[in-house]
PDB file of N, CA and C in Angstrom:
ATOM      1  N   MET A   1       0.324   5.162  13.200  1.00  0.00           N
ATOM      2  CA  MET A   1       0.299   6.597  13.406  1.00  0.00           C
ATOM      3  C   MET A   1      -0.734   7.321  12.537  1.00  0.00           C
ATOM      4  N   PRO A   2      -0.904   6.921  11.270  1.00  0.00           N
ATOM      5  CA  PRO A   2      -1.872   7.661  10.454  1.00  0.00           C
ATOM      6  C   PRO A   2      -3.320   7.227  10.636  1.00  0.00           C
ATOM      7  N   GLY A   3      -3.557   6.201  11.445  1.00  0.00           N
ATOM      8  CA  GLY A   3      -4.920   5.824  11.760  1.00  0.00           C
ATOM      9  C   GLY A   3      -5.434   4.570  11.089  1.00  0.00           C
ATOM     10  N   GLY A   4      -4.654   3.939  10.260  1.00  0.00           N
ATOM     11  CA  GLY A   4      -5.088   2.698   9.627  1.00  0.00           C
ATOM     12  C   GLY A   4      -4.809   1.501  10.527  1.00  0.00           C
ATOM     13  N   VAL A   5      -5.377   0.380  10.149  1.00  0.00           N
ATOM     14  CA  VAL A   5      -5.139  -0.873  10.859  1.00  0.00           C
ATOM     15  C   VAL A   5      -4.457  -1.827   9.889  1.00  0.00           C
ATOM     16  N   ASN A   6      -3.283  -2.287  10.251  1.00  0.00           N
ATOM     17  CA  ASN A   6      -2.548  -3.228   9.420  1.00  0.00           C
ATOM     18  C   ASN A   6      -3.112  -4.624   9.667  1.00  0.00           C
ATOM     19  N   ILE A   7      -3.903  -5.125   8.730  1.00  0.00           N
ATOM     20  CA  ILE A   7      -4.522  -6.433   8.921  1.00  0.00           C
ATOM     21  C   ILE A   7      -3.500  -7.559   8.912  1.00  0.00           C
ATOM     22  N   ALA A   8      -2.303  -7.301   8.387  1.00  0.00           N
ATOM     23  CA  ALA A   8      -1.260  -8.328   8.329  1.00  0.00           C
ATOM     24  C   ALA A   8      -0.426  -8.392   9.606  1.00  0.00           C
ATOM     25  N   ALA A   9      -0.592  -7.428  10.497  1.00  0.00           N
ATOM     26  CA  ALA A   9       0.179  -7.441  11.746  1.00  0.00           C
ATOM     27  C   ALA A   9      -0.092  -8.736  12.497  1.00  0.00           C
ATOM     28  N   GLY A  10       0.965  -9.398  12.879  1.00  0.00           N
ATOM     29  CA  GLY A  10       0.845 -10.661  13.582  1.00  0.00           C
ATOM     30  C   GLY A  10       0.769 -11.866  12.666  1.00  0.00           C
ATOM     31  N   HIS A  11       0.729 -11.642  11.379  1.00  0.00           N
ATOM     32  CA  HIS A  11       0.656 -12.734  10.414  1.00  0.00           C
ATOM     33  C   HIS A  11       1.939 -12.896   9.618  1.00  0.00           C
ATOM     34  N   LEU A  12       2.934 -12.089   9.930  1.00  0.00           N
ATOM     35  CA  LEU A  12       4.224 -12.149   9.233  1.00  0.00           C
ATOM     36  C   LEU A  12       5.324 -12.476  10.223  1.00  0.00           C
ATOM     37  N   PRO A  13       6.381 -13.105   9.743  1.00  0.00           N
ATOM     38  CA  PRO A  13       7.505 -13.385  10.649  1.00  0.00           C
ATOM     39  C   PRO A  13       8.285 -12.115  10.966  1.00  0.00           C
ATOM     40  N   GLY A  14       9.001 -12.116  12.086  1.00  0.00           N
ATOM     41  CA  GLY A  14       9.901 -11.010  12.403  1.00  0.00           C
ATOM     42  C   GLY A  14      10.970 -10.911  11.330  1.00  0.00           C
ATOM     43  N   TYR A  15      11.479  -9.733  11.125  1.00  0.00           N
ATOM     44  CA  TYR A  15      12.467  -9.500  10.081  1.00  0.00           C
ATOM     45  C   TYR A  15      13.861  -9.446  10.684  1.00  0.00           C
ATOM     46  N   LYS A  16      14.682 -10.397  10.309  1.00  0.00           N
ATOM     47  CA  LYS A  16      16.077 -10.446  10.756  1.00  0.00           C
ATOM     48  C   LYS A  16      16.208 -10.263  12.262  1.00  0.00           C
ATOM     49  N   ASP A  17      15.469 -11.062  12.997  1.00  0.00           N
ATOM     50  CA  ASP A  17      15.531 -11.063  14.460  1.00  0.00           C
ATOM     51  C   ASP A  17      15.152  -9.736  15.097  1.00  0.00           C
ATOM     52  N   ARG A  18      14.326  -8.957  14.420  1.00  0.00           N
ATOM     53  CA  ARG A  18      13.805  -7.716  14.980  1.00  0.00           C
ATOM     54  C   ARG A  18      12.304  -7.853  15.164  1.00  0.00           C
ATOM     55  N   ALA A  19      11.755  -6.974  15.921  1.00  0.00           N
ATOM     56  CA  ALA A  19      10.313  -7.031  16.178  1.00  0.00           C
ATOM     57  C   ALA A  19       9.485  -6.683  14.943  1.00  0.00           C
ATOM     58  N   SER A  20      10.067  -5.921  13.999  1.00  0.00           N
ATOM     59  CA  SER A  20       9.292  -5.540  12.822  1.00  0.00           C
ATOM     60  C   SER A  20       9.021  -6.766  11.959  1.00  0.00           C
ATOM     61  N   GLU A  21       7.869  -6.740  11.313  1.00  0.00           N
ATOM     62  CA  GLU A  21       7.457  -7.864  10.484  1.00  0.00           C
ATOM     63  C   GLU A  21       7.696  -7.539   9.017  1.00  0.00           C
ATOM     64  N   TYR A  22       7.973  -8.568   8.242  1.00  0.00           N
ATOM     65  CA  TYR A  22       8.263  -8.373   6.836  1.00  0.00           C
ATOM     66  C   TYR A  22       8.014  -9.678   6.102  1.00  0.00           C
ATOM     67  N   GLY A  23       7.431  -9.622   4.930  1.00  0.00           N
ATOM     68  CA  GLY A  23       7.259 -10.824   4.151  1.00  0.00           C
ATOM     69  C   GLY A  23       6.061 -10.768   3.234  1.00  0.00           C
ATOM     70  N   ASP A  24       5.778 -11.900   2.652  1.00  0.00           N
ATOM     71  CA  ASP A  24       4.678 -12.017   1.705  1.00  0.00           C
ATOM     72  C   ASP A  24       3.416 -12.515   2.409  1.00  0.00           C
ATOM     73  N   ILE A  25       2.299 -12.069   1.906  1.00  0.00           N
ATOM     74  CA  ILE A  25       0.988 -12.522   2.376  1.00  0.00           C
ATOM     75  C   ILE A  25       0.328 -13.247   1.202  1.00  0.00           C
ATOM     76  N   GLU A  26      -0.296 -14.344   1.473  1.00  0.00           N
ATOM     77  CA  GLU A  26      -0.994 -15.096   0.431  1.00  0.00           C
ATOM     78  C   GLU A  26      -2.201 -14.305  -0.076  1.00  0.00           C
ATOM     79  N   THR A  27      -2.385 -14.321  -1.373  1.00  0.00           N
ATOM     80  CA  THR A  27      -3.508 -13.632  -1.997  1.00  0.00           C
ATOM     81  C   THR A  27      -4.838 -14.100  -1.413  1.00  0.00           C
ATOM     82  N   GLU A  28      -4.974 -15.394  -1.199  1.00  0.00           N
ATOM     83  CA  GLU A  28      -6.213 -15.941  -0.659  1.00  0.00           C
ATOM     84  C   GLU A  28      -6.509 -15.381   0.727  1.00  0.00           C
ATOM     85  N   TRP A  29      -5.466 -15.163   1.515  1.00  0.00           N
ATOM     86  CA  TRP A  29      -5.649 -14.611   2.851  1.00  0.00           C
ATOM     87  C   TRP A  29      -6.179 -13.184   2.759  1.00  0.00           C
ATOM     88  N   VAL A  30      -5.615 -12.395   1.850  1.00  0.00           N
ATOM     89  CA  VAL A  30      -6.089 -11.021   1.669  1.00  0.00           C
ATOM     90  C   VAL A  30      -7.559 -11.044   1.253  1.00  0.00           C
ATOM     91  N   LEU A  31      -7.906 -11.916   0.328  1.00  0.00           N
ATOM     92  CA  LEU A  31      -9.307 -12.035  -0.089  1.00  0.00           C
ATOM     93  C   LEU A  31     -10.214 -12.347   1.097  1.00  0.00           C
ATOM     94  N   SER A  32      -9.754 -13.238   1.977  1.00  0.00           N
ATOM     95  CA  SER A  32     -10.580 -13.608   3.134  1.00  0.00           C
ATOM     96  C   SER A  32     -10.753 -12.452   4.113  1.00  0.00           C
ATOM     97  N   GLN A  33      -9.813 -11.519   4.126  1.00  0.00           N
ATOM     98  CA  GLN A  33      -9.879 -10.364   5.025  1.00  0.00           C
ATOM     99  C   GLN A  33     -10.711  -9.221   4.447  1.00  0.00           C
ATOM    100  N   ASN A  34     -10.857  -9.189   3.115  1.00  0.00           N
ATOM    101  CA  ASN A  34     -11.646  -8.174   2.424  1.00  0.00           C
ATOM    102  C   ASN A  34     -11.330  -6.753   2.919  1.00  0.00           C
ATOM    103  N   PRO A  35     -10.085  -6.295   2.739  1.00  0.00           N
ATOM    104  CA  PRO A  35      -9.701  -4.977   3.276  1.00  0.00           C
ATOM    105  C   PRO A  35     -10.444  -3.818   2.615  1.00  0.00           C
ATOM    106  N   GLU A  36     -10.672  -2.786   3.397  1.00  0.00           N
ATOM    107  CA  GLU A  36     -11.314  -1.572   2.899  1.00  0.00           C
ATOM    108  C   GLU A  36     -10.341  -0.715   2.105  1.00  0.00           C
ATOM    109  N   ILE A  37      -9.062  -0.795   2.456  1.00  0.00           N
ATOM    110  CA  ILE A  37      -8.010  -0.011   1.804  1.00  0.00           C
ATOM    111  C   ILE A  37      -6.809  -0.927   1.611  1.00  0.00           C
ATOM    112  N   ILE A  38      -6.139  -0.776   0.483  1.00  0.00           N
ATOM    113  CA  ILE A  38      -4.878  -1.478   0.246  1.00  0.00           C
ATOM    114  C   ILE A  38      -3.821  -0.421  -0.031  1.00  0.00           C
ATOM    115  N   VAL A  39      -2.718  -0.497   0.709  1.00  0.00           N
ATOM    116  CA  VAL A  39      -1.582   0.390   0.476  1.00  0.00           C
ATOM    117  C   VAL A  39      -0.420  -0.474   0.017  1.00  0.00           C
ATOM    118  N   GLY A  40       0.075  -0.176  -1.161  1.00  0.00           N
ATOM    119  CA  GLY A  40       1.238  -0.877  -1.690  1.00  0.00           C
ATOM    120  C   GLY A  40       2.460   0.017  -1.619  1.00  0.00           C
ATOM    121  N   ARG A  41       3.608  -0.599  -1.536  1.00  0.00           N
ATOM    122  CA  ARG A  41       4.854   0.160  -1.523  1.00  0.00           C
ATOM    123  C   ARG A  41       5.653  -0.236  -2.750  1.00  0.00           C
ATOM    124  N   ALA A  42       5.885   0.720  -3.624  1.00  0.00           N
ATOM    125  CA  ALA A  42       6.639   0.482  -4.848  1.00  0.00           C
ATOM    126  C   ALA A  42       8.125   0.680  -4.580  1.00  0.00           C
ATOM    127  N   MET A  43       8.890  -0.286  -5.032  1.00  0.00           N
ATOM    128  CA  MET A  43      10.344  -0.224  -4.866  1.00  0.00           C
ATOM    129  C   MET A  43      10.991  -0.475  -6.219  1.00  0.00           C
ATOM    130  N   GLY A  44      12.206   0.000  -6.379  1.00  0.00           N
ATOM    131  CA  GLY A  44      12.949  -0.257  -7.601  1.00  0.00           C
ATOM    132  C   GLY A  44      13.328   1.017  -8.309  1.00  0.00           C
ATOM    133  N   SER A  45      13.953   0.851  -9.442  1.00  0.00           N
ATOM    134  CA  SER A  45      14.417   2.013 -10.196  1.00  0.00           C
ATOM    135  C   SER A  45      13.266   2.643 -10.968  1.00  0.00           C
ATOM    136  N   ARG A  46      13.391   3.915 -11.225  1.00  0.00           N
ATOM    137  CA  ARG A  46      12.458   4.704 -12.029  1.00  0.00           C
ATOM    138  C   ARG A  46      11.075   4.867 -11.412  1.00  0.00           C
ATOM    139  N   ILE A  47      10.955   4.724 -10.092  1.00  0.00           N
ATOM    140  CA  ILE A  47       9.637   4.895  -9.469  1.00  0.00           C
ATOM    141  C   ILE A  47       9.558   6.138  -8.607  1.00  0.00           C
ATOM    142  N   ARG A  48      10.678   6.813  -8.423  1.00  0.00           N
ATOM    143  CA  ARG A  48      10.641   8.030  -7.610  1.00  0.00           C
ATOM    144  C   ARG A  48       9.777   9.073  -8.312  1.00  0.00           C
ATOM    145  N   PRO A  49       9.107   9.913  -7.550  1.00  0.00           N
ATOM    146  CA  PRO A  49       8.210  10.898  -8.168  1.00  0.00           C
ATOM    147  C   PRO A  49       8.881  11.746  -9.233  1.00  0.00           C
ATOM    148  N   TYR A  50      10.116  12.148  -9.019  1.00  0.00           N
ATOM    149  CA  TYR A  50      10.785  12.981 -10.017  1.00  0.00           C
ATOM    150  C   TYR A  50      11.218  12.176 -11.239  1.00  0.00           C
ATOM    151  N   GLU A  51      11.217  10.857 -11.163  1.00  0.00           N
ATOM    152  CA  GLU A  51      11.536  10.007 -12.311  1.00  0.00           C
ATOM    153  C   GLU A  51      10.272   9.532 -13.032  1.00  0.00           C
ATOM    154  N   ASN A  52       9.136   9.733 -12.423  1.00  0.00           N
ATOM    155  CA  ASN A  52       7.884   9.173 -12.907  1.00  0.00           C
ATOM    156  C   ASN A  52       6.797  10.248 -12.811  1.00  0.00           C
ATOM    157  N   ALA A  53       6.991  11.324 -13.552  1.00  0.00           N
ATOM    158  CA  ALA A  53       6.146  12.502 -13.407  1.00  0.00           C
ATOM    159  C   ALA A  53       4.666  12.235 -13.628  1.00  0.00           C
ATOM    160  N   ASN A  54       4.316  11.347 -14.533  1.00  0.00           N
ATOM    161  CA  ASN A  54       2.901  11.134 -14.806  1.00  0.00           C
ATOM    162  C   ASN A  54       2.272  10.051 -13.938  1.00  0.00           C
ATOM    163  N   GLY A  55       3.060   9.416 -13.090  1.00  0.00           N
ATOM    164  CA  GLY A  55       2.523   8.427 -12.160  1.00  0.00           C
ATOM    165  C   GLY A  55       2.152   7.099 -12.788  1.00  0.00           C
ATOM    166  N   SER A  56       2.506   6.888 -14.052  1.00  0.00           N
ATOM    167  CA  SER A  56       2.050   5.684 -14.749  1.00  0.00           C
ATOM    168  C   SER A  56       2.588   4.400 -14.124  1.00  0.00           C
ATOM    169  N   LEU A  57       3.809   4.410 -13.620  1.00  0.00           N
ATOM    170  CA  LEU A  57       4.340   3.193 -12.995  1.00  0.00           C
ATOM    171  C   LEU A  57       3.606   2.867 -11.701  1.00  0.00           C
ATOM    172  N   LEU A  58       3.273   3.878 -10.940  1.00  0.00           N
ATOM    173  CA  LEU A  58       2.527   3.658  -9.706  1.00  0.00           C
ATOM    174  C   LEU A  58       1.100   3.197 -10.013  1.00  0.00           C
ATOM    175  N   GLU A  59       0.500   3.789 -11.038  1.00  0.00           N
ATOM    176  CA  GLU A  59      -0.842   3.371 -11.433  1.00  0.00           C
ATOM    177  C   GLU A  59      -0.817   1.942 -11.957  1.00  0.00           C
ATOM    178  N   ARG A  60       0.228   1.573 -12.677  1.00  0.00           N
ATOM    179  CA  ARG A  60       0.330   0.200 -13.164  1.00  0.00           C
ATOM    180  C   ARG A  60       0.415  -0.784 -12.004  1.00  0.00           C
ATOM    181  N   TYR A  61       1.133  -0.395 -10.956  1.00  0.00           N
ATOM    182  CA  TYR A  61       1.233  -1.247  -9.769  1.00  0.00           C
ATOM    183  C   TYR A  61      -0.139  -1.421  -9.116  1.00  0.00           C
ATOM    184  N   ALA A  62      -0.891  -0.331  -9.010  1.00  0.00           N
ATOM    185  CA  ALA A  62      -2.248  -0.415  -8.462  1.00  0.00           C
ATOM    186  C   ALA A  62      -3.130  -1.281  -9.360  1.00  0.00           C
ATOM    187  N   GLN A  63      -2.974  -1.156 -10.667  1.00  0.00           N
ATOM    188  CA  GLN A  63      -3.765  -1.964 -11.600  1.00  0.00           C
ATOM    189  C   GLN A  63      -3.414  -3.441 -11.477  1.00  0.00           C
ATOM    190  N   ASP A  64      -2.139  -3.747 -11.231  1.00  0.00           N
ATOM    191  CA  ASP A  64      -1.737  -5.142 -11.012  1.00  0.00           C
ATOM    192  C   ASP A  64      -2.477  -5.729  -9.806  1.00  0.00           C
ATOM    193  N   ILE A  65      -2.644  -4.919  -8.772  1.00  0.00           N
ATOM    194  CA  ILE A  65      -3.381  -5.376  -7.585  1.00  0.00           C
ATOM    195  C   ILE A  65      -4.845  -5.583  -7.942  1.00  0.00           C
ATOM    196  N   ARG A  66      -5.437  -4.612  -8.641  1.00  0.00           N
ATOM    197  CA  ARG A  66      -6.849  -4.714  -9.027  1.00  0.00           C
ATOM    198  C   ARG A  66      -7.133  -5.971  -9.860  1.00  0.00           C
ATOM    199  N   SER A  67      -6.166  -6.361 -10.679  1.00  0.00           N
ATOM    200  CA  SER A  67      -6.404  -7.455 -11.614  1.00  0.00           C
ATOM    201  C   SER A  67      -6.101  -8.841 -11.040  1.00  0.00           C
ATOM    202  N   LEU A  68      -5.703  -8.915  -9.781  1.00  0.00           N
ATOM    203  CA  LEU A  68      -5.475 -10.223  -9.171  1.00  0.00           C
ATOM    204  C   LEU A  68      -6.791 -11.001  -9.133  1.00  0.00           C
ATOM    205  N   PRO A  69      -6.729 -12.313  -9.370  1.00  0.00           N
ATOM    206  CA  PRO A  69      -7.961 -13.112  -9.373  1.00  0.00           C
ATOM    207  C   PRO A  69      -8.749 -12.953  -8.065  1.00  0.00           C
ATOM    208  N   GLY A  70     -10.014 -12.633  -8.192  1.00  0.00           N
ATOM    209  CA  GLY A  70     -10.897 -12.486  -7.042  1.00  0.00           C
ATOM    210  C   GLY A  70     -10.912 -11.104  -6.426  1.00  0.00           C
ATOM    211  N   PHE A  71      -9.964 -10.251  -6.778  1.00  0.00           N
ATOM    212  CA  PHE A  71      -9.882  -8.934  -6.145  1.00  0.00           C
ATOM    213  C   PHE A  71     -10.997  -7.998  -6.595  1.00  0.00           C
ATOM    214  N   ASP A  72     -11.704  -8.343  -7.645  1.00  0.00           N
ATOM    215  CA  ASP A  72     -12.829  -7.506  -8.045  1.00  0.00           C
ATOM    216  C   ASP A  72     -13.938  -7.511  -6.998  1.00  0.00           C
ATOM    217  N   GLU A  73     -13.883  -8.450  -6.049  1.00  0.00           N
ATOM    218  CA  GLU A  73     -14.860  -8.523  -4.966  1.00  0.00           C
ATOM    219  C   GLU A  73     -14.359  -7.897  -3.661  1.00  0.00           C
ATOM    220  N   VAL A  74     -13.132  -7.433  -3.632  1.00  0.00           N
ATOM    221  CA  VAL A  74     -12.551  -6.834  -2.427  1.00  0.00           C
ATOM    222  C   VAL A  74     -13.029  -5.381  -2.315  1.00  0.00           C
ATOM    223  N   GLN A  75     -13.419  -4.971  -1.109  1.00  0.00           N
ATOM    224  CA  GLN A  75     -13.940  -3.623  -0.888  1.00  0.00           C
ATOM    225  C   GLN A  75     -12.982  -2.536  -1.368  1.00  0.00           C
ATOM    226  N   ALA A  76     -11.689  -2.705  -1.144  1.00  0.00           N
ATOM    227  CA  ALA A  76     -10.717  -1.696  -1.561  1.00  0.00           C
ATOM    228  C   ALA A  76     -10.743  -1.488  -3.073  1.00  0.00           C
ATOM    229  N   VAL A  77     -10.932  -2.559  -3.823  1.00  0.00           N
ATOM    230  CA  VAL A  77     -10.999  -2.464  -5.278  1.00  0.00           C
ATOM    231  C   VAL A  77     -12.343  -1.875  -5.702  1.00  0.00           C
ATOM    232  N   LYS A  78     -13.412  -2.374  -5.131  1.00  0.00           N
ATOM    233  CA  LYS A  78     -14.748  -1.870  -5.479  1.00  0.00           C
ATOM    234  C   LYS A  78     -14.870  -0.372  -5.253  1.00  0.00           C
ATOM    235  N   ASN A  79     -14.227   0.124  -4.195  1.00  0.00           N
ATOM    236  CA  ASN A  79     -14.333   1.546  -3.830  1.00  0.00           C
ATOM    237  C   ASN A  79     -13.148   2.373  -4.286  1.00  0.00           C
ATOM    238  N   ASP A  80     -12.301   1.807  -5.154  1.00  0.00           N
ATOM    239  CA  ASP A  80     -11.126   2.498  -5.686  1.00  0.00           C
ATOM    240  C   ASP A  80     -10.255   3.095  -4.573  1.00  0.00           C
ATOM    241  N   ARG A  81      -9.926   2.252  -3.588  1.00  0.00           N
ATOM    242  CA  ARG A  81      -9.115   2.702  -2.461  1.00  0.00           C
ATOM    243  C   ARG A  81      -7.820   1.906  -2.388  1.00  0.00           C
ATOM    244  N   ILE A  82      -7.139   1.821  -3.524  1.00  0.00           N
ATOM    245  CA  ILE A  82      -5.803   1.243  -3.587  1.00  0.00           C
ATOM    246  C   ILE A  82      -4.849   2.407  -3.766  1.00  0.00           C
ATOM    247  N   TYR A  83      -3.911   2.507  -2.854  1.00  0.00           N
ATOM    248  CA  TYR A  83      -2.959   3.604  -2.861  1.00  0.00           C
ATOM    249  C   TYR A  83      -1.548   3.043  -2.881  1.00  0.00           C
ATOM    250  N   ILE A  84      -0.667   3.724  -3.598  1.00  0.00           N
ATOM    251  CA  ILE A  84       0.706   3.270  -3.716  1.00  0.00           C
ATOM    252  C   ILE A  84       1.633   4.391  -3.248  1.00  0.00           C
ATOM    253  N   ILE A  85       2.541   4.033  -2.353  1.00  0.00           N
ATOM    254  CA  ILE A  85       3.585   4.973  -1.952  1.00  0.00           C
ATOM    255  C   ILE A  85       4.911   4.422  -2.470  1.00  0.00           C
ATOM    256  N   THR A  86       5.870   5.290  -2.624  1.00  0.00           N
ATOM    257  CA  THR A  86       7.189   4.851  -3.069  1.00  0.00           C
ATOM    258  C   THR A  86       8.079   4.609  -1.863  1.00  0.00           C
ATOM    259  N   ASN A  87       9.135   3.901  -2.099  1.00  0.00           N
ATOM    260  CA  ASN A  87      10.105   3.634  -1.043  1.00  0.00           C
ATOM    261  C   ASN A  87      10.644   4.935  -0.459  1.00  0.00           C
ATOM    262  N   ASP A  88      10.734   5.978  -1.291  1.00  0.00           N
ATOM    263  CA  ASP A  88      11.209   7.275  -0.804  1.00  0.00           C
ATOM    264  C   ASP A  88      10.351   7.785   0.339  1.00  0.00           C
ATOM    265  N   TYR A  89       9.050   7.581   0.251  1.00  0.00           N
ATOM    266  CA  TYR A  89       8.166   7.983   1.337  1.00  0.00           C
ATOM    267  C   TYR A  89       8.315   7.075   2.547  1.00  0.00           C
ATOM    268  N   ALA A  90       8.431   5.803   2.292  1.00  0.00           N
ATOM    269  CA  ALA A  90       8.354   4.824   3.369  1.00  0.00           C
ATOM    270  C   ALA A  90       9.553   4.814   4.305  1.00  0.00           C
ATOM    271  N   ILE A  91      10.750   5.059   3.787  1.00  0.00           N
ATOM    272  CA  ILE A  91      11.928   4.831   4.631  1.00  0.00           C
ATOM    273  C   ILE A  91      12.956   5.957   4.630  1.00  0.00           C
ATOM    274  N   THR A  92      12.605   7.139   4.216  1.00  0.00           N
ATOM    275  CA  THR A  92      13.567   8.242   4.191  1.00  0.00           C
ATOM    276  C   THR A  92      13.095   9.369   5.103  1.00  0.00           C
ATOM    277  N   SER A  93      13.779  10.472   5.003  1.00  0.00           N
ATOM    278  CA  SER A  93      13.384  11.632   5.812  1.00  0.00           C
ATOM    279  C   SER A  93      12.021  12.183   5.387  1.00  0.00           C
ATOM    280  N   ASN A  94      11.470  11.688   4.304  1.00  0.00           N
ATOM    281  CA  ASN A  94      10.113  12.060   3.881  1.00  0.00           C
ATOM    282  C   ASN A  94       9.040  11.370   4.699  1.00  0.00           C
ATOM    283  N   TYR A  95       9.443  10.517   5.623  1.00  0.00           N
ATOM    284  CA  TYR A  95       8.502   9.715   6.400  1.00  0.00           C
ATOM    285  C   TYR A  95       7.375  10.536   7.030  1.00  0.00           C
ATOM    286  N   PRO A  96       7.655  11.704   7.632  1.00  0.00           N
ATOM    287  CA  PRO A  96       6.529  12.481   8.201  1.00  0.00           C
ATOM    288  C   PRO A  96       5.488  12.864   7.151  1.00  0.00           C
ATOM    289  N   SER A  97       5.918  13.193   5.948  1.00  0.00           N
ATOM    290  CA  SER A  97       4.935  13.527   4.913  1.00  0.00           C
ATOM    291  C   SER A  97       4.164  12.283   4.483  1.00  0.00           C
ATOM    292  N   ALA A  98       4.795  11.116   4.545  1.00  0.00           N
ATOM    293  CA  ALA A  98       4.094   9.867   4.234  1.00  0.00           C
ATOM    294  C   ALA A  98       3.002   9.591   5.259  1.00  0.00           C
ATOM    295  N   VAL A  99       3.277   9.867   6.521  1.00  0.00           N
ATOM    296  CA  VAL A  99       2.264   9.669   7.571  1.00  0.00           C
ATOM    297  C   VAL A  99       1.061  10.570   7.293  1.00  0.00           C
ATOM    298  N   LEU A 100       1.306  11.803   6.904  1.00  0.00           N
ATOM    299  CA  LEU A 100       0.202  12.723   6.578  1.00  0.00           C
ATOM    300  C   LEU A 100      -0.570  12.252   5.353  1.00  0.00           C
ATOM    301  N   LEU A 101       0.144  11.789   4.344  1.00  0.00           N
ATOM    302  CA  LEU A 101      -0.501  11.295   3.138  1.00  0.00           C
ATOM    303  C   LEU A 101      -1.386  10.094   3.454  1.00  0.00           C
ATOM    304  N   LEU A 102      -0.845   9.148   4.209  1.00  0.00           N
ATOM    305  CA  LEU A 102      -1.623   7.970   4.594  1.00  0.00           C
ATOM    306  C   LEU A 102      -2.840   8.364   5.427  1.00  0.00           C
ATOM    307  N   ALA A 103      -2.667   9.281   6.353  1.00  0.00           N
ATOM    308  CA  ALA A 103      -3.796   9.728   7.175  1.00  0.00           C
ATOM    309  C   ALA A 103      -4.909  10.305   6.300  1.00  0.00           C
ATOM    310  N   GLY A 104      -4.536  11.082   5.310  1.00  0.00           N
ATOM    311  CA  GLY A 104      -5.534  11.630   4.388  1.00  0.00           C
ATOM    312  C   GLY A 104      -6.262  10.539   3.633  1.00  0.00           C
ATOM    313  N   TRP A 105      -5.528   9.551   3.174  1.00  0.00           N
ATOM    314  CA  TRP A 105      -6.159   8.439   2.466  1.00  0.00           C
ATOM    315  C   TRP A 105      -7.092   7.669   3.383  1.00  0.00           C
ATOM    316  N   PHE A 106      -6.645   7.402   4.600  1.00  0.00           N
ATOM    317  CA  PHE A 106      -7.443   6.604   5.527  1.00  0.00           C
ATOM    318  C   PHE A 106      -8.696   7.341   5.987  1.00  0.00           C
ATOM    319  N   LEU A 107      -8.568   8.630   6.248  1.00  0.00           N
ATOM    320  CA  LEU A 107      -9.682   9.374   6.827  1.00  0.00           C
ATOM    321  C   LEU A 107     -10.719   9.820   5.806  1.00  0.00           C
ATOM    322  N   SER A 108     -10.254  10.249   4.647  1.00  0.00           N
ATOM    323  CA  SER A 108     -11.220  10.813   3.716  1.00  0.00           C
ATOM    324  C   SER A 108     -11.338  10.039   2.411  1.00  0.00           C
ATOM    325  N   GLY A 109     -10.263   9.428   2.015  1.00  0.00           N
ATOM    326  CA  GLY A 109     -10.279   8.759   0.728  1.00  0.00           C
ATOM    327  C   GLY A 109     -10.263   9.728  -0.440  1.00  0.00           C
ATOM    328  N   SER A 110     -10.205  11.016  -0.145  1.00  0.00           N
ATOM    329  CA  SER A 110     -10.277  12.002  -1.225  1.00  0.00           C
ATOM    330  C   SER A 110      -8.899  12.406  -1.747  1.00  0.00           C
ATOM    331  N   ILE A 111      -7.860  12.123  -1.017  1.00  0.00           N
ATOM    332  CA  ILE A 111      -6.513  12.455  -1.480  1.00  0.00           C
ATOM    333  C   ILE A 111      -6.034  11.316  -2.349  1.00  0.00           C
ATOM    334  N   ARG A 112      -5.602  11.595  -3.500  1.00  0.00           N
ATOM    335  CA  ARG A 112      -5.205  10.553  -4.460  1.00  0.00           C
ATOM    336  C   ARG A 112      -3.698  10.495  -4.635  1.00  0.00           C
ATOM    337  N   ARG A 113      -3.270   9.426  -5.260  1.00  0.00           N
ATOM    338  CA  ARG A 113      -1.860   9.148  -5.529  1.00  0.00           C
ATOM    339  C   ARG A 113      -1.178  10.338  -6.147  1.00  0.00           C
TER     340      ARG A 113
END
């Protein structure tokens, strides 16, 4: 919906007998795809925006992605286009605002975390 292309679509198993896909992707596979943008989804305690006012946990998650071996050659890292959304955006009534946020990231790259 927001205009991005999920490079992992078709490379993950169905989730609990549903059409939606879910799972892990090998780091080497991501390197071979050289994505222009990486969107991570942060889950767990203390990651909600109101619990993490300065964004440091989300930035740490993005930094973990940047520091993966070989990722310094990935276009998304070179162009600082790693974005992290929280589970609150991904699966709650905030979903419409997440679609707008993702669209902004995909289209302009000027909207930041």
